[in-house]
Amino acid sequence: MTAVAIAFLGEILDNWLGFRFAKRYGGSTRSGWGALLGRAADSAAKIALGLVLVVISVVIALS
């Protein structure tokens, strides 16, 4: 449970810093949202790839 809480706080901090520095260095609010959506898509892709690899591993192990 502690690891999940630390990961959640890390994601909040990452998003907050992304928005803050986007504005500081000339980016718009829209660019901050784009970065947030890009990180979310990247995370989803990594989870999907992990699940595919697990399924392939189980099929190979049971063959």
C-alpha atoms as a PDB file:
ATOM      1  CA  MET A   1       0.000   0.000   0.000  1.00  0.00           C
ATOM      2  CA  THR A   2       2.872   2.350   0.789  1.00  0.00           C
ATOM      3  CA  ALA A   3       4.407   1.809  -2.651  1.00  0.00           C
ATOM      4  CA  VAL A   4       1.100   2.694  -4.338  1.00  0.00           C
ATOM      5  CA  ALA A   5       0.824   5.896  -2.285  1.00  0.00           C
ATOM      6  CA  ILE A   6       4.393   6.907  -3.145  1.00  0.00           C
ATOM      7  CA  ALA A   7       3.781   6.185  -6.841  1.00  0.00           C
ATOM      8  CA  PHE A   8       0.567   8.244  -6.769  1.00  0.00           C
ATOM      9  CA  LEU A   9       2.329  11.187  -5.123  1.00  0.00           C
ATOM     10  CA  GLY A  10       5.135  10.907  -7.655  1.00  0.00           C
ATOM     11  CA  GLU A  11       2.659  11.118 -10.535  1.00  0.00           C
ATOM     12  CA  ILE A  12       0.988  14.176  -9.014  1.00  0.00           C
ATOM     13  CA  LEU A  13       4.380  15.853  -8.580  1.00  0.00           C
ATOM     14  CA  ASP A  14       5.404  14.942 -12.119  1.00  0.00           C
ATOM     15  CA  ASN A  15       2.233  16.435 -13.580  1.00  0.00           C
ATOM     16  CA  TRP A  16       2.462  19.577 -11.467  1.00  0.00           C
ATOM     17  CA  LEU A  17       6.093  20.154 -12.490  1.00  0.00           C
ATOM     18  CA  GLY A  18       5.242  19.530 -16.135  1.00  0.00           C
ATOM     19  CA  PHE A  19       2.564  22.209 -16.125  1.00  0.00           C
ATOM     20  CA  ARG A  20       4.675  24.639 -14.090  1.00  0.00           C
ATOM     21  CA  PHE A  21       7.756  24.446 -16.274  1.00  0.00           C
ATOM     22  CA  ALA A  22       5.743  24.473 -19.491  1.00  0.00           C
ATOM     23  CA  LYS A  23       4.401  27.887 -18.471  1.00  0.00           C
ATOM     24  CA  ARG A  24       7.765  29.120 -17.184  1.00  0.00           C
ATOM     25  CA  TYR A  25       9.641  28.343 -20.388  1.00  0.00           C
ATOM     26  CA  GLY A  26       7.090  29.745 -22.792  1.00  0.00           C
ATOM     27  CA  GLY A  27       4.737  26.847 -23.291  1.00  0.00           C
ATOM     28  CA  SER A  28       0.994  27.154 -23.108  1.00  0.00           C
ATOM     29  CA  THR A  29      -1.518  25.418 -20.901  1.00  0.00           C
ATOM     30  CA  ARG A  30      -2.404  23.346 -23.942  1.00  0.00           C
ATOM     31  CA  SER A  31       1.183  22.086 -24.124  1.00  0.00           C
ATOM     32  CA  GLY A  32       0.965  21.016 -20.489  1.00  0.00           C
ATOM     33  CA  TRP A  33      -2.184  19.019 -21.253  1.00  0.00           C
ATOM     34  CA  GLY A  34      -0.474  17.509 -24.290  1.00  0.00           C
ATOM     35  CA  ALA A  35       2.419  16.365 -22.130  1.00  0.00           C
ATOM     36  CA  LEU A  36       0.001  14.869 -19.613  1.00  0.00           C
ATOM     37  CA  LEU A  37      -1.889  12.956 -22.307  1.00  0.00           C
ATOM     38  CA  GLY A  38       1.378  11.790 -23.852  1.00  0.00           C
ATOM     39  CA  ARG A  39       2.579  10.392 -20.535  1.00  0.00           C
ATOM     40  CA  ALA A  40      -0.772   8.647 -20.008  1.00  0.00           C
ATOM     41  CA  ALA A  41      -0.625   7.082 -23.481  1.00  0.00           C
ATOM     42  CA  ASP A  42       2.944   5.966 -22.864  1.00  0.00           C
ATOM     43  CA  SER A  43       1.962   4.330 -19.582  1.00  0.00           C
ATOM     44  CA  ALA A  44      -0.979   2.549 -21.206  1.00  0.00           C
ATOM     45  CA  ALA A  45       1.262   1.253 -23.985  1.00  0.00           C
ATOM     46  CA  LYS A  46       3.789  -0.104 -21.480  1.00  0.00           C
ATOM     47  CA  ILE A  47       1.060  -1.879 -19.507  1.00  0.00           C
ATOM     48  CA  ALA A  48      -0.403  -3.391 -22.677  1.00  0.00           C
ATOM     49  CA  LEU A  49       3.024  -4.578 -23.832  1.00  0.00           C
ATOM     50  CA  GLY A  50       3.668  -6.106 -20.422  1.00  0.00           C
ATOM     51  CA  LEU A  51       0.389  -8.014 -20.519  1.00  0.00           C
ATOM     52  CA  VAL A  52       1.126  -9.324 -24.009  1.00  0.00           C
ATOM     53  CA  LEU A  53       4.564 -10.502 -22.912  1.00  0.00           C
ATOM     54  CA  VAL A  54       3.087 -12.258 -19.876  1.00  0.00           C
ATOM     55  CA  VAL A  55       0.551 -14.099 -22.030  1.00  0.00           C
ATOM     56  CA  ILE A  56       3.235 -15.160 -24.493  1.00  0.00           C
ATOM     57  CA  SER A  57       5.444 -16.357 -21.627  1.00  0.00           C
ATOM     58  CA  VAL A  58       2.641 -18.413 -20.100  1.00  0.00           C
ATOM     59  CA  VAL A  59       1.793 -20.000 -23.466  1.00  0.00           C
ATOM     60  CA  ILE A  60       5.462 -20.900 -24.017  1.00  0.00           C
ATOM     61  CA  ALA A  61       5.824 -22.259 -20.483  1.00  0.00           C
ATOM     62  CA  LEU A  62       2.755 -24.469 -20.845  1.00  0.00           C
ATOM     63  CA  SER A  63       3.792 -25.850 -24.249  1.00  0.00           C
END
